PDB file of N, CA and C in Angstrom:
ATOM      1  N   MET A   1      66.803  45.846 -90.827  1.00  0.00           N
ATOM      2  CA  MET A   1      67.655  46.745 -91.334  1.00  0.00           C
ATOM      3  C   MET A   1      67.730  46.484 -92.962  1.00  0.00           C
ATOM      4  N   ASN A   2      67.881  45.306 -93.542  1.00  0.00           N
ATOM      5  CA  ASN A   2      67.645  45.085 -94.837  1.00  0.00           C
ATOM      6  C   ASN A   2      66.506  45.661 -95.607  1.00  0.00           C
ATOM      7  N   TYR A   3      65.468  45.793 -94.917  1.00  0.00           N
ATOM      8  CA  TYR A   3      64.165  46.340 -95.536  1.00  0.00           C
ATOM      9  C   TYR A   3      64.595  47.741 -96.073  1.00  0.00           C
ATOM     10  N   PHE A   4      65.157  48.622 -95.224  1.00  0.00           N
ATOM     11  CA  PHE A   4      65.559  50.108 -95.692  1.00  0.00           C
ATOM     12  C   PHE A   4      66.648  50.005 -96.769  1.00  0.00           C
ATOM     13  N   HIS A   5      67.417  49.183 -96.813  1.00  0.00           N
ATOM     14  CA  HIS A   5      68.444  49.221 -97.734  1.00  0.00           C
ATOM     15  C   HIS A   5      67.706  48.770 -99.123  1.00  0.00           C
ATOM     16  N   GLU A   6      66.883  47.798 -99.018  1.00  0.00           N
ATOM     17  CA  GLU A   6      66.118  47.287-100.269  1.00  0.00           C
ATOM     18  C   GLU A   6      65.291  48.342-100.894  1.00  0.00           C
ATOM     19  N   ARG A   7      64.646  49.335-100.011  1.00  0.00           N
ATOM     20  CA  ARG A   7      63.775  50.241-100.355  1.00  0.00           C
ATOM     21  C   ARG A   7      64.619  51.210-101.044  1.00  0.00           C
ATOM     22  N   ASN A   8      66.039  51.704-100.517  1.00  0.00           N
ATOM     23  CA  ASN A   8      66.716  52.629-101.033  1.00  0.00           C
ATOM     24  C   ASN A   8      67.255  52.321-102.496  1.00  0.00           C
ATOM     25  N   ILE A   9      67.617  50.982-102.562  1.00  0.00           N
ATOM     26  CA  ILE A   9      68.227  50.511-103.828  1.00  0.00           C
ATOM     27  C   ILE A   9      67.072  50.498-104.912  1.00  0.00           C
ATOM     28  N   GLU A  10      65.902  50.113-104.554  1.00  0.00           N
ATOM     29  CA  GLU A  10      64.674  50.063-105.315  1.00  0.00           C
ATOM     30  C   GLU A  10      64.361  51.418-105.948  1.00  0.00           C
ATOM     31  N   ASP A  11      64.414  52.344-105.044  1.00  0.00           N
ATOM     32  CA  ASP A  11      64.201  53.896-105.340  1.00  0.00           C
ATOM     33  C   ASP A  11      65.250  54.270-106.383  1.00  0.00           C
ATOM     34  N   PHE A  12      66.468  54.017-106.046  1.00  0.00           N
ATOM     35  CA  PHE A  12      67.628  54.393-106.845  1.00  0.00           C
ATOM     36  C   PHE A  12      67.524  53.860-108.273  1.00  0.00           C
ATOM     37  N   LEU A  13      67.183  52.665-108.343  1.00  0.00           N
ATOM     38  CA  LEU A  13      67.080  51.992-109.829  1.00  0.00           C
ATOM     39  C   LEU A  13      65.991  52.644-110.384  1.00  0.00           C
ATOM     40  N   GLN A  14      64.796  52.899-109.828  1.00  0.00           N
ATOM     41  CA  GLN A  14      63.504  53.470-110.348  1.00  0.00           C
ATOM     42  C   GLN A  14      63.905  54.824-110.736  1.00  0.00           C
ATOM     43  N   ALA A  15      64.660  55.632-110.064  1.00  0.00           N
ATOM     44  CA  ALA A  15      65.045  57.030-110.407  1.00  0.00           C
ATOM     45  C   ALA A  15      65.746  56.800-111.712  1.00  0.00           C
ATOM     46  N   ILE A  16      66.724  55.996-111.741  1.00  0.00           N
ATOM     47  CA  ILE A  16      67.454  55.855-113.012  1.00  0.00           C
ATOM     48  C   ILE A  16      66.642  55.544-114.365  1.00  0.00           C
ATOM     49  N   LEU A  17      65.682  54.690-114.160  1.00  0.00           N
ATOM     50  CA  LEU A  17      64.772  54.258-115.153  1.00  0.00           C
ATOM     51  C   LEU A  17      63.950  55.326-115.662  1.00  0.00           C
ATOM     52  N   GLU A  18      63.462  56.220-114.475  1.00  0.00           N
ATOM     53  CA  GLU A  18      62.607  57.339-114.769  1.00  0.00           C
ATOM     54  C   GLU A  18      63.305  58.743-115.136  1.00  0.00           C
ATOM     55  N   GLY A  19      64.574  58.642-114.931  1.00  0.00           N
ATOM     56  CA  GLY A  19      65.330  59.855-115.176  1.00  0.00           C
ATOM     57  C   GLY A  19      65.065  60.954-114.344  1.00  0.00           C
ATOM     58  N   LYS A  20      64.806  60.610-112.939  1.00  0.00           N
ATOM     59  CA  LYS A  20      64.441  61.602-111.852  1.00  0.00           C
ATOM     60  C   LYS A  20      65.558  61.480-110.657  1.00  0.00           C
ATOM     61  N   GLU A  21      65.529  62.417-109.757  1.00  0.00           N
ATOM     62  CA  GLU A  21      66.271  62.316-108.536  1.00  0.00           C
ATOM     63  C   GLU A  21      65.755  61.220-107.573  1.00  0.00           C
ATOM     64  N   PRO A  22      66.777  60.358-107.074  1.00  0.00           N
ATOM     65  CA  PRO A  22      66.258  59.450-106.029  1.00  0.00           C
ATOM     66  C   PRO A  22      65.988  60.106-104.564  1.00  0.00           C
ATOM     67  N   LEU A  23      65.123  59.625-103.889  1.00  0.00           N
ATOM     68  CA  LEU A  23      64.913  60.220-102.629  1.00  0.00           C
ATOM     69  C   LEU A  23      65.926  60.734-101.786  1.00  0.00           C
ATOM     70  N   ILE A  24      67.236  59.823-101.939  1.00  0.00           N
ATOM     71  CA  ILE A  24      68.372  60.111-101.111  1.00  0.00           C
ATOM     72  C   ILE A  24      69.401  60.454-102.096  1.00  0.00           C
ATOM     73  N   THR A  25      69.891  61.724-102.163  1.00  0.00           N
ATOM     74  CA  THR A  25      70.925  61.858-103.143  1.00  0.00           C
ATOM     75  C   THR A  25      72.274  61.537-102.906  1.00  0.00           C
ATOM     76  N   VAL A  26      73.128  62.000-103.882  1.00  0.00           N
ATOM     77  CA  VAL A  26      74.636  61.732-103.525  1.00  0.00           C
ATOM     78  C   VAL A  26      75.019  62.751-102.416  1.00  0.00           C
ATOM     79  N   GLU A  27      74.593  63.964-102.678  1.00  0.00           N
ATOM     80  CA  GLU A  27      74.872  65.016-101.643  1.00  0.00           C
ATOM     81  C   GLU A  27      74.425  64.627-100.152  1.00  0.00           C
ATOM     82  N   ASP A  28      73.283  64.051 -99.917  1.00  0.00           N
ATOM     83  CA  ASP A  28      72.749  63.518 -98.797  1.00  0.00           C
ATOM     84  C   ASP A  28      73.845  62.441 -98.046  1.00  0.00           C
ATOM     85  N   GLY A  29      74.161  61.538 -99.025  1.00  0.00           N
ATOM     86  CA  GLY A  29      75.063  60.407 -98.537  1.00  0.00           C
ATOM     87  C   GLY A  29      76.357  60.906 -98.014  1.00  0.00           C
ATOM     88  N   ARG A  30      76.882  61.895 -98.926  1.00  0.00           N
ATOM     89  CA  ARG A  30      78.137  62.795 -98.737  1.00  0.00           C
ATOM     90  C   ARG A  30      78.100  63.369 -97.352  1.00  0.00           C
ATOM     91  N   ASP A  31      77.055  64.018 -97.140  1.00  0.00           N
ATOM     92  CA  ASP A  31      76.782  64.664 -95.679  1.00  0.00           C
ATOM     93  C   ASP A  31      76.744  63.698 -94.614  1.00  0.00           C
ATOM     94  N   THR A  32      76.195  62.487 -94.805  1.00  0.00           N
ATOM     95  CA  THR A  32      76.166  61.578 -93.577  1.00  0.00           C
ATOM     96  C   THR A  32      77.446  61.103 -93.313  1.00  0.00           C
ATOM     97  N   VAL A  33      78.280  60.759 -94.435  1.00  0.00           N
ATOM     98  CA  VAL A  33      79.600  60.086 -94.331  1.00  0.00           C
ATOM     99  C   VAL A  33      80.490  61.282 -93.611  1.00  0.00           C
ATOM    100  N   GLU A  34      80.315  62.612 -93.915  1.00  0.00           N
ATOM    101  CA  GLU A  34      81.146  63.653 -93.198  1.00  0.00           C
ATOM    102  C   GLU A  34      80.795  63.735 -91.957  1.00  0.00           C
ATOM    103  N   ILE A  35      79.507  63.635 -91.516  1.00  0.00           N
ATOM    104  CA  ILE A  35      79.081  63.909 -90.255  1.00  0.00           C
ATOM    105  C   ILE A  35      79.650  62.853 -89.315  1.00  0.00           C
ATOM    106  N   PHE A  36      79.550  61.500 -89.852  1.00  0.00           N
ATOM    107  CA  PHE A  36      80.011  60.422 -89.072  1.00  0.00           C
ATOM    108  C   PHE A  36      81.610  60.425 -88.856  1.00  0.00           C
ATOM    109  N   SER A  37      82.144  60.824 -89.990  1.00  0.00           N
ATOM    110  CA  SER A  37      83.703  61.003 -90.010  1.00  0.00           C
ATOM    111  C   SER A  37      84.060  62.081 -88.884  1.00  0.00           C
ATOM    112  N   ALA A  38      83.402  63.185 -88.839  1.00  0.00           N
ATOM    113  CA  ALA A  38      83.701  64.034 -87.884  1.00  0.00           C
ATOM    114  C   ALA A  38      83.545  63.593 -86.339  1.00  0.00           C
ATOM    115  N   ILE A  39      82.493  62.957 -86.182  1.00  0.00           N
ATOM    116  CA  ILE A  39      82.163  62.294 -84.942  1.00  0.00           C
ATOM    117  C   ILE A  39      83.308  61.376 -84.340  1.00  0.00           C
ATOM    118  N   TYR A  40      83.667  60.372 -85.483  1.00  0.00           N
ATOM    119  CA  TYR A  40      84.719  59.437 -85.104  1.00  0.00           C
ATOM    120  C   TYR A  40      86.044  60.231 -85.006  1.00  0.00           C
ATOM    121  N   ARG A  41      86.297  61.177 -85.777  1.00  0.00           N
ATOM    122  CA  ARG A  41      87.681  61.946 -85.569  1.00  0.00           C
ATOM    123  C   ARG A  41      87.786  62.716 -84.188  1.00  0.00           C
ATOM    124  N   SER A  42      86.486  63.291 -83.879  1.00  0.00           N
ATOM    125  CA  SER A  42      86.308  63.964 -82.631  1.00  0.00           C
ATOM    126  C   SER A  42      86.391  63.227 -81.528  1.00  0.00           C
ATOM    127  N   THR A  43      85.997  62.021 -81.577  1.00  0.00           N
ATOM    128  CA  THR A  43      86.138  60.921 -80.486  1.00  0.00           C
ATOM    129  C   THR A  43      87.754  60.503 -80.511  1.00  0.00           C
ATOM    130  N   SER A  44      88.237  60.152 -81.331  1.00  0.00           N
ATOM    131  CA  SER A  44      89.607  59.518 -81.447  1.00  0.00           C
ATOM    132  C   SER A  44      90.649  60.799 -81.012  1.00  0.00           C
ATOM    133  N   GLU A  45      90.404  61.999 -81.432  1.00  0.00           N
ATOM    134  CA  GLU A  45      91.513  63.062 -81.130  1.00  0.00           C
ATOM    135  C   GLU A  45      91.061  63.756 -79.830  1.00  0.00           C
ATOM    136  N   GLY A  46      89.819  63.486 -79.300  1.00  0.00           N
ATOM    137  CA  GLY A  46      89.424  64.205 -78.147  1.00  0.00           C
ATOM    138  C   GLY A  46      89.027  65.741 -78.200  1.00  0.00           C
ATOM    139  N   ARG A  47      88.674  66.112 -79.315  1.00  0.00           N
ATOM    140  CA  ARG A  47      88.495  67.432 -79.441  1.00  0.00           C
ATOM    141  C   ARG A  47      87.344  67.626 -80.421  1.00  0.00           C
ATOM    142  N   SER A  48      86.752  68.926 -80.392  1.00  0.00           N
ATOM    143  CA  SER A  48      85.617  69.391 -81.327  1.00  0.00           C
ATOM    144  C   SER A  48      86.117  69.358 -82.797  1.00  0.00           C
ATOM    145  N   ILE A  49      85.330  69.001 -83.712  1.00  0.00           N
ATOM    146  CA  ILE A  49      85.609  69.157 -85.068  1.00  0.00           C
ATOM    147  C   ILE A  49      84.500  70.024 -85.963  1.00  0.00           C
ATOM    148  N   LYS A  50      85.119  71.054 -86.546  1.00  0.00           N
ATOM    149  CA  LYS A  50      84.160  71.924 -87.030  1.00  0.00           C
ATOM    150  C   LYS A  50      83.338  71.152 -88.337  1.00  0.00           C
ATOM    151  N   TRP A  51      82.426  71.388 -88.361  1.00  0.00           N
ATOM    152  CA  TRP A  51      81.498  70.838 -89.509  1.00  0.00           C
ATOM    153  C   TRP A  51      80.878  71.859 -90.343  1.00  0.00           C
ATOM    154  N   PRO A  52      80.823  72.025 -91.666  1.00  0.00           N
ATOM    155  CA  PRO A  52      81.474  70.994 -92.556  1.00  0.00           C
ATOM    156  C   PRO A  52      82.973  70.975 -92.359  1.00  0.00           C
ATOM    157  N   MET A  53      83.447  69.823 -92.588  1.00  0.00           N
ATOM    158  CA  MET A  53      84.944  69.579 -92.469  1.00  0.00           C
ATOM    159  C   MET A  53      85.596  70.122 -93.941  1.00  0.00           C
ATOM    160  N   LYS A  54      86.937  70.522 -93.877  1.00  0.00           N
ATOM    161  CA  LYS A  54      87.354  71.035 -95.174  1.00  0.00           C
ATOM    162  C   LYS A  54      88.380  70.046 -95.656  1.00  0.00           C
TER     163      LYS A  54
END
Protein backbone atom coordinates (compact mmCIF):
# COMPACT_ATOMS: atom_id res chain seq x y z
CA MET A 1 0.00 0.00 0.00
CA ASN A 2 2.82 2.43 0.79
CA TYR A 3 4.09 2.01 -2.76
CA PHE A 4 1.03 3.75 -4.22
CA HIS A 5 1.13 6.55 -1.66
CA GLU A 6 4.79 7.13 -2.44
CA ARG A 7 4.08 7.25 -6.19
CA ASN A 8 1.23 9.72 -5.67
CA ILE A 9 3.37 11.98 -3.49
CA GLU A 10 6.25 11.83 -5.99
CA ASP A 11 3.90 12.70 -8.84
CA PHE A 12 2.38 15.57 -6.84
CA LEU A 13 5.78 17.05 -6.00
CA GLN A 14 6.96 16.65 -9.60
CA ALA A 15 3.82 18.41 -10.83
CA ILE A 16 4.60 21.36 -8.54
CA LEU A 17 8.19 21.54 -9.78
CA GLU A 18 7.11 21.34 -13.43
CA GLY A 19 4.03 23.54 -13.07
CA LYS A 20 1.66 20.85 -14.37
CA GLU A 21 -1.44 19.02 -13.16
CA PRO A 22 -0.78 15.93 -11.04
CA LEU A 23 -2.19 12.60 -12.23
CA ILE A 24 -4.71 12.71 -9.38
CA THR A 25 -6.26 16.13 -9.02
CA VAL A 26 -7.93 17.82 -6.06
CA GLU A 27 -11.27 17.24 -7.79
CA ASP A 28 -10.53 13.50 -8.04
CA GLY A 29 -9.76 13.38 -4.33
CA ARG A 30 -12.87 15.36 -3.43
CA ASP A 31 -15.06 13.02 -5.52
CA THR A 32 -13.55 9.99 -3.80
CA VAL A 33 -14.18 11.42 -0.33
CA GLU A 34 -17.75 12.32 -1.29
CA ILE A 35 -18.44 8.82 -2.64
CA PHE A 36 -17.16 7.16 0.54
CA SER A 37 -19.06 9.67 2.69
CA ALA A 38 -22.26 8.79 0.84
CA ILE A 39 -21.57 5.07 1.32
CA TYR A 40 -20.97 5.47 5.07
CA ARG A 41 -23.99 7.74 5.46
CA SER A 42 -26.21 5.32 3.53
CA THR A 43 -25.06 2.44 5.71
CA SER A 44 -25.53 4.29 9.00
CA GLU A 45 -28.92 5.75 8.03
CA GLY A 46 -30.15 2.64 6.22
CA ARG A 47 -31.28 4.55 3.15
CA SER A 48 -30.13 5.59 -0.31
CA ILE A 49 -28.09 8.78 -0.57
CA LYS A 50 -28.15 10.86 -3.75
CA TRP A 51 -24.80 11.46 -5.32
CA PRO A 52 -23.37 13.96 -5.76
CA MET A 53 -24.36 15.05 -2.29
CA LYS A 54 -25.31 18.68 -1.73
